[in-house]
Amino acid sequence: MNDQAVGCYRHPDRETGIRCTRCERPICPECMVSASVGFQCPACVAGDSGTGHRPQAATPRTIAGGAQAADPRLVTKVLLAVNVALWIAVMATGDGLLDELELFGRAVLAGEPQGVAEGQWYRLVTAMFLHQAPMHIAFNMLSLWWIGPPLEAALGRARYLALYLLSGLGGSALTFVVADPRQPSLGASGAIFGLLGATAVIMRRLNYDMRPVAALLVLNLIFTFTWHNIAWEAHIGGLVVGAAVAYGMVHAPREKRALVQGLTCGVTLAVIVAAVIVRAATLPELVGFSG
């Protein structure tokens, strides 16, 4: 969509870069009606966008076409609960459960060949919800609680959940492809970085001030590459996938929105799977954990 300034649909002499989040017509400040996400035009608020589809206009929709939910934090709450529950379980059972769920490529563990390359693909998913240090889970869960609900409201529950899972998988996949296959990794931060990348894309789509999210991105990237024992691969993989998926969701043409969004998620998942298959086929023979 072209975001350059055009004339308001009700006041053509007034240039604006803002569009109604439902009908996408340009609207000036006088015509902007605040919505849960972005702004709507007076016609959509009144229930008639002028397109002849009054029943559809009566159903509130997010910027990505999803249904607006009464509780815009529900999926975020569930994701937070899963992360915390697994952290408590790991703390209660020690390294045994962690060894079963963490991500690594191929290694000998407890005398047995294990890892993603040994067919344990589930590790790409379980690593997305794992933490060990209290500061690690505290930082990630605070970030999830802060970033998640606005994204959930902007995308709708199903799209938001797809974004989270694909971002986490993207971080796990890049870790598997690039990192030492013997090195275990906890990839929960990949999904969080995906949400951060999606936030930047949606703020740009709505013509919001980009400086706060840009500063946050830069700060997090500095931490990623300067702190020790941080799986930068998960961060970068999640960030790239999250931004790409969000772009496809919020820039999809209105008349083909579901198709484009489905293709965006499907192609992203296919690329992730292909990368994992190729890497698994080219890993060296089994070795023990380093360190």
Protein backbone atom coordinates (compact mmCIF):
# COMPACT_ATOMS: atom_id res chain seq x y z
CA MET A 1 0.00 0.00 0.00
CA ASN A 2 1.21 3.50 -0.81
CA ASP A 3 1.67 5.42 2.47
CA GLN A 4 2.55 8.78 0.91
CA ALA A 5 0.33 11.78 1.72
CA VAL A 6 -2.97 11.92 -0.19
CA GLY A 7 -6.16 13.89 0.22
CA CYS A 8 -8.70 12.94 2.88
CA TYR A 9 -11.70 11.19 1.30
CA ARG A 10 -14.05 13.73 2.93
CA HIS A 11 -11.74 16.74 2.67
CA PRO A 12 -9.64 16.31 -0.49
CA ASP A 13 -7.74 19.54 0.14
CA ARG A 14 -6.25 18.15 3.38
CA GLU A 15 -3.23 15.88 2.91
CA THR A 16 -2.83 12.92 5.24
CA GLY A 17 -0.78 9.76 5.61
CA ILE A 18 -3.32 8.01 7.83
CA ARG A 19 -5.89 5.54 6.52
CA CYS A 20 -8.94 3.94 8.09
CA THR A 21 -7.95 0.54 9.48
CA ARG A 22 -11.16 -1.02 8.13
CA CYS A 23 -11.85 0.47 4.69
CA GLU A 24 -8.31 1.91 4.17
CA ARG A 25 -9.57 5.27 2.88
CA PRO A 26 -7.34 8.29 3.70
CA ILE A 27 -8.60 10.34 6.64
CA CYS A 28 -7.49 13.69 8.05
CA PRO A 29 -7.27 14.48 11.79
CA GLU A 30 -10.83 15.82 11.83
CA CYS A 31 -12.16 12.53 10.44
CA MET A 32 -10.07 10.20 12.60
CA VAL A 33 -12.06 8.22 15.15
CA SER A 34 -9.87 6.38 17.64
CA ALA A 35 -10.29 2.62 17.58
CA SER A 36 -8.71 -0.19 19.61
CA VAL A 37 -6.03 -0.29 16.91
CA GLY A 38 -5.33 2.79 14.78
CA PHE A 39 -8.15 5.01 13.53
CA GLN A 40 -11.41 4.51 11.64
CA CYS A 41 -13.32 6.84 9.37
CA PRO A 42 -16.75 8.21 10.34
CA ALA A 43 -18.48 5.98 7.77
CA CYS A 44 -17.05 2.77 9.22
CA VAL A 45 -17.85 3.87 12.76
CA ALA A 46 -21.43 4.53 11.65
CA GLY A 47 -21.58 1.01 10.19
CA ASP A 48 -21.55 1.89 6.49
CA SER A 49 -18.21 2.20 4.66
CA GLY A 50 -19.96 3.05 1.40
CA THR A 51 -18.94 -0.24 -0.19
CA GLY A 52 -22.34 -1.87 0.06
CA HIS A 53 -21.21 -4.39 2.69
CA ARG A 54 -23.01 -3.23 5.80
CA PRO A 55 -23.08 -6.67 7.57
CA GLN A 56 -19.30 -6.97 7.29
CA ALA A 57 -18.75 -3.40 8.43
CA ALA A 58 -20.82 -4.10 11.56
CA THR A 59 -18.24 -6.70 12.66
CA PRO A 60 -15.19 -5.00 14.20
CA ARG A 61 -11.98 -6.12 12.52
CA THR A 62 -8.31 -5.64 13.31
CA ILE A 63 -5.82 -4.06 10.95
CA ALA A 64 -4.97 -7.57 9.73
CA GLY A 65 -8.60 -8.57 9.23
CA GLY A 66 -9.00 -10.64 12.38
CA ALA A 67 -12.00 -10.44 14.67
CA GLN A 68 -11.60 -8.09 17.61
CA ALA A 69 -11.77 -10.05 20.87
CA ALA A 70 -13.22 -8.93 24.17
CA ASP A 71 -10.00 -9.91 25.94
CA PRO A 72 -7.00 -8.83 23.82
CA ARG A 73 -4.61 -10.50 26.27
CA LEU A 74 -5.96 -14.05 26.27
CA VAL A 75 -3.34 -15.68 23.99
CA THR A 76 -0.60 -13.66 25.68
CA LYS A 77 -1.73 -14.95 29.07
CA VAL A 78 -1.70 -18.55 27.81
CA LEU A 79 1.79 -18.18 26.31
CA LEU A 80 3.05 -16.58 29.50
CA ALA A 81 1.56 -19.41 31.58
CA VAL A 82 3.20 -22.07 29.39
CA ASN A 83 6.60 -20.40 29.69
CA VAL A 84 6.34 -20.02 33.46
CA ALA A 85 5.02 -23.56 33.95
CA LEU A 86 7.93 -25.06 32.01
CA TRP A 87 10.43 -22.93 33.91
CA ILE A 88 9.01 -24.13 37.23
CA ALA A 89 9.11 -27.73 35.99
CA VAL A 90 12.75 -27.37 34.93
CA MET A 91 13.69 -25.81 38.25
CA ALA A 92 11.91 -28.61 40.13
CA THR A 93 13.35 -31.52 38.16
CA GLY A 94 16.85 -30.27 37.45
CA ASP A 95 18.83 -30.85 34.28
CA GLY A 96 16.99 -34.04 33.36
CA LEU A 97 13.95 -32.31 31.86
CA LEU A 98 16.13 -29.57 30.38
CA ASP A 99 18.23 -32.16 28.55
CA GLU A 100 15.07 -33.66 27.09
CA LEU A 101 13.64 -30.38 25.78
CA GLU A 102 16.51 -28.00 24.94
CA LEU A 103 17.74 -27.44 21.41
CA PHE A 104 20.94 -28.91 19.99
CA GLY A 105 21.82 -30.33 16.62
CA ARG A 106 23.50 -33.69 17.08
CA ALA A 107 25.42 -35.04 20.05
CA VAL A 108 25.86 -37.99 22.36
CA LEU A 109 24.01 -37.37 25.60
CA ALA A 110 23.90 -39.98 28.40
CA GLY A 111 25.46 -42.44 25.99
CA GLU A 112 22.69 -42.03 23.40
CA PRO A 113 22.67 -40.17 20.05
CA GLN A 114 20.23 -37.29 20.39
CA GLY A 115 19.34 -33.97 18.82
CA VAL A 116 17.29 -32.51 15.98
CA ALA A 117 19.42 -34.30 13.38
CA GLU A 118 18.55 -37.57 15.12
CA GLY A 119 14.86 -37.03 14.45
CA GLN A 120 14.02 -35.09 17.63
CA TRP A 121 12.38 -32.23 15.73
CA TYR A 122 10.21 -31.46 18.73
CA ARG A 123 13.25 -29.71 20.25
CA LEU A 124 12.75 -26.86 17.75
CA VAL A 125 9.40 -26.19 19.43
CA THR A 126 10.07 -27.00 23.08
CA ALA A 127 13.18 -24.78 23.12
CA MET A 128 10.88 -21.83 22.32
CA PHE A 129 9.41 -22.01 25.82
CA LEU A 130 12.53 -22.78 27.86
CA HIS A 131 14.37 -20.55 30.34
CA GLN A 132 16.91 -21.31 33.00
CA ALA A 133 18.18 -18.20 34.78
CA PRO A 134 15.57 -16.17 36.72
CA MET A 135 16.65 -12.96 34.98
CA HIS A 136 16.19 -14.63 31.60
CA ILE A 137 12.56 -15.55 32.15
CA ALA A 138 11.83 -12.30 34.00
CA PHE A 139 13.05 -10.17 31.10
CA ASN A 140 11.29 -12.25 28.46
CA MET A 141 7.96 -12.44 30.29
CA LEU A 142 7.95 -8.71 31.01
CA SER A 143 8.62 -8.13 27.31
CA LEU A 144 5.85 -10.54 26.34
CA TRP A 145 3.38 -8.84 28.68
CA TRP A 146 4.31 -5.41 27.35
CA ILE A 147 4.57 -6.14 23.61
CA GLY A 148 2.12 -9.02 23.26
CA PRO A 149 -1.32 -7.51 24.01
CA PRO A 150 -1.06 -4.61 21.50
CA LEU A 151 0.00 -7.11 18.83
CA GLU A 152 -2.78 -9.51 19.79
CA ALA A 153 -5.28 -6.65 19.49
CA ALA A 154 -3.79 -5.53 16.17
CA LEU A 155 -3.67 -8.96 14.51
CA GLY A 156 -6.36 -11.03 16.17
CA ARG A 157 -5.76 -14.16 18.21
CA ALA A 158 -5.10 -16.69 15.44
CA ARG A 159 -2.71 -14.46 13.50
CA TYR A 160 -0.92 -13.41 16.67
CA LEU A 161 -0.40 -17.01 17.74
CA ALA A 162 0.88 -17.91 14.25
CA LEU A 163 3.30 -14.98 14.44
CA TYR A 164 4.61 -16.08 17.84
CA LEU A 165 5.10 -19.71 16.86
CA LEU A 166 6.71 -18.96 13.49
CA SER A 167 9.06 -16.43 15.09
CA GLY A 168 10.12 -18.97 17.69
CA LEU A 169 10.61 -21.64 15.03
CA GLY A 170 12.63 -19.20 12.93
CA GLY A 171 14.94 -18.55 15.86
CA SER A 172 15.30 -22.27 16.58
CA ALA A 173 15.96 -23.05 12.91
CA LEU A 174 18.71 -20.44 12.54
CA THR A 175 20.31 -21.70 15.75
CA PHE A 176 20.24 -25.26 14.42
CA VAL A 177 21.64 -24.21 11.04
CA VAL A 178 24.43 -21.90 12.25
CA ALA A 179 25.41 -22.79 15.81
CA ASP A 180 27.69 -25.60 16.98
CA PRO A 181 25.48 -28.73 16.89
CA ARG A 182 26.93 -29.86 20.23
CA GLN A 183 25.95 -26.65 22.01
CA PRO A 184 22.57 -26.78 23.81
CA SER A 185 20.38 -23.70 23.43
CA LEU A 186 17.26 -22.22 25.00
CA GLY A 187 15.42 -20.31 22.28
CA ALA A 188 12.56 -18.54 24.05
CA SER A 189 13.97 -15.13 23.18
CA GLY A 190 13.52 -15.85 19.47
CA ALA A 191 9.74 -15.52 19.75
CA ILE A 192 10.08 -12.32 21.80
CA PHE A 193 12.34 -10.77 19.17
CA GLY A 194 9.78 -11.81 16.55
CA LEU A 195 7.12 -9.83 18.40
CA LEU A 196 9.47 -6.87 18.54
CA GLY A 197 10.07 -7.02 14.79
CA ALA A 198 6.32 -7.28 14.18
CA THR A 199 5.71 -4.26 16.39
CA ALA A 200 8.07 -2.19 14.25
CA VAL A 201 6.30 -3.30 11.05
CA ILE A 202 2.82 -2.49 12.38
CA MET A 203 3.86 0.88 13.78
CA ARG A 204 5.28 1.76 10.37
CA ARG A 205 2.08 0.58 8.72
CA LEU A 206 0.04 2.89 10.97
CA ASN A 207 2.49 5.79 10.51
CA TYR A 208 3.26 5.94 14.22
CA ASP A 209 6.43 7.46 15.60
CA MET A 210 9.13 4.85 14.97
CA ARG A 211 11.77 6.29 17.29
CA PRO A 212 10.77 4.40 20.49
CA VAL A 213 10.67 0.97 18.84
CA ALA A 214 13.83 1.72 16.84
CA ALA A 215 15.66 2.62 20.06
CA LEU A 216 14.40 -0.56 21.71
CA LEU A 217 15.54 -2.66 18.75
CA VAL A 218 19.00 -1.12 18.77
CA LEU A 219 19.34 -1.60 22.53
CA ASN A 220 18.31 -5.26 22.32
CA LEU A 221 20.67 -5.92 19.42
CA ILE A 222 23.54 -4.37 21.39
CA PHE A 223 22.78 -6.72 24.28
CA THR A 224 22.50 -9.63 21.86
CA PHE A 225 26.01 -9.21 20.52
CA THR A 226 27.81 -7.98 23.63
CA TRP A 227 26.54 -10.17 26.48
CA HIS A 228 28.05 -13.58 27.01
CA ASN A 229 26.11 -16.84 26.63
CA ILE A 230 23.37 -15.31 24.47
CA ALA A 231 22.15 -17.31 21.46
CA TRP A 232 22.24 -14.47 18.95
CA GLU A 233 21.05 -16.86 16.25
CA ALA A 234 17.67 -17.25 17.96
CA HIS A 235 17.33 -13.49 18.35
CA ILE A 236 18.11 -12.69 14.72
CA GLY A 237 16.10 -15.60 13.34
CA GLY A 238 13.05 -14.63 15.37
CA LEU A 239 13.40 -10.95 14.49
CA VAL A 240 13.60 -11.58 10.74
CA VAL A 241 10.75 -14.08 10.66
CA GLY A 242 8.52 -11.95 12.90
CA ALA A 243 9.02 -8.86 10.75
CA ALA A 244 8.43 -10.81 7.51
CA VAL A 245 5.26 -12.52 8.74
CA ALA A 246 3.83 -9.29 10.16
CA TYR A 247 4.55 -7.46 6.89
CA GLY A 248 2.63 -10.08 4.94
CA MET A 249 -0.27 -9.89 7.40
CA VAL A 250 -0.78 -6.13 7.53
CA HIS A 251 0.11 -5.29 3.92
CA ALA A 252 -1.99 -8.02 2.32
CA PRO A 253 -4.51 -6.61 -0.21
CA ARG A 254 -7.93 -6.38 1.38
CA GLU A 255 -9.65 -8.44 -1.33
CA LYS A 256 -7.08 -11.27 -1.05
CA ARG A 257 -6.13 -10.86 2.58
CA ALA A 258 -6.75 -14.40 3.79
CA LEU A 259 -4.94 -15.92 0.80
CA VAL A 260 -1.86 -13.70 1.11
CA GLN A 261 -1.66 -14.15 4.87
CA GLY A 262 -1.98 -17.92 4.55
CA LEU A 263 0.70 -18.01 1.86
CA THR A 264 2.99 -15.83 3.98
CA CYS A 265 2.76 -18.23 6.92
CA GLY A 266 2.93 -21.31 4.71
CA VAL A 267 5.99 -20.17 2.75
CA THR A 268 7.73 -19.11 5.96
CA LEU A 269 7.12 -22.52 7.53
CA ALA A 270 8.28 -24.27 4.34
CA VAL A 271 11.55 -22.31 4.30
CA ILE A 272 12.15 -23.17 7.97
CA VAL A 273 11.49 -26.88 7.38
CA ALA A 274 13.69 -26.94 4.27
CA ALA A 275 16.57 -25.28 6.12
CA VAL A 276 16.32 -27.80 8.97
CA ILE A 277 16.22 -30.77 6.57
CA VAL A 278 19.28 -29.59 4.64
CA ARG A 279 21.24 -28.88 7.82
CA ALA A 280 20.32 -32.24 9.37
CA ALA A 281 21.53 -34.05 6.26
CA THR A 282 24.93 -32.31 6.29
CA LEU A 283 25.85 -32.45 9.99
CA PRO A 284 29.01 -34.41 10.87
CA GLU A 285 29.02 -37.69 12.74
CA LEU A 286 28.04 -37.87 16.40
CA VAL A 287 30.22 -36.11 18.97
CA GLY A 288 29.92 -35.42 22.66
CA PHE A 289 28.84 -32.13 24.20
CA SER A 290 31.59 -29.52 24.38
CA GLY A 291 32.35 -28.12 27.78
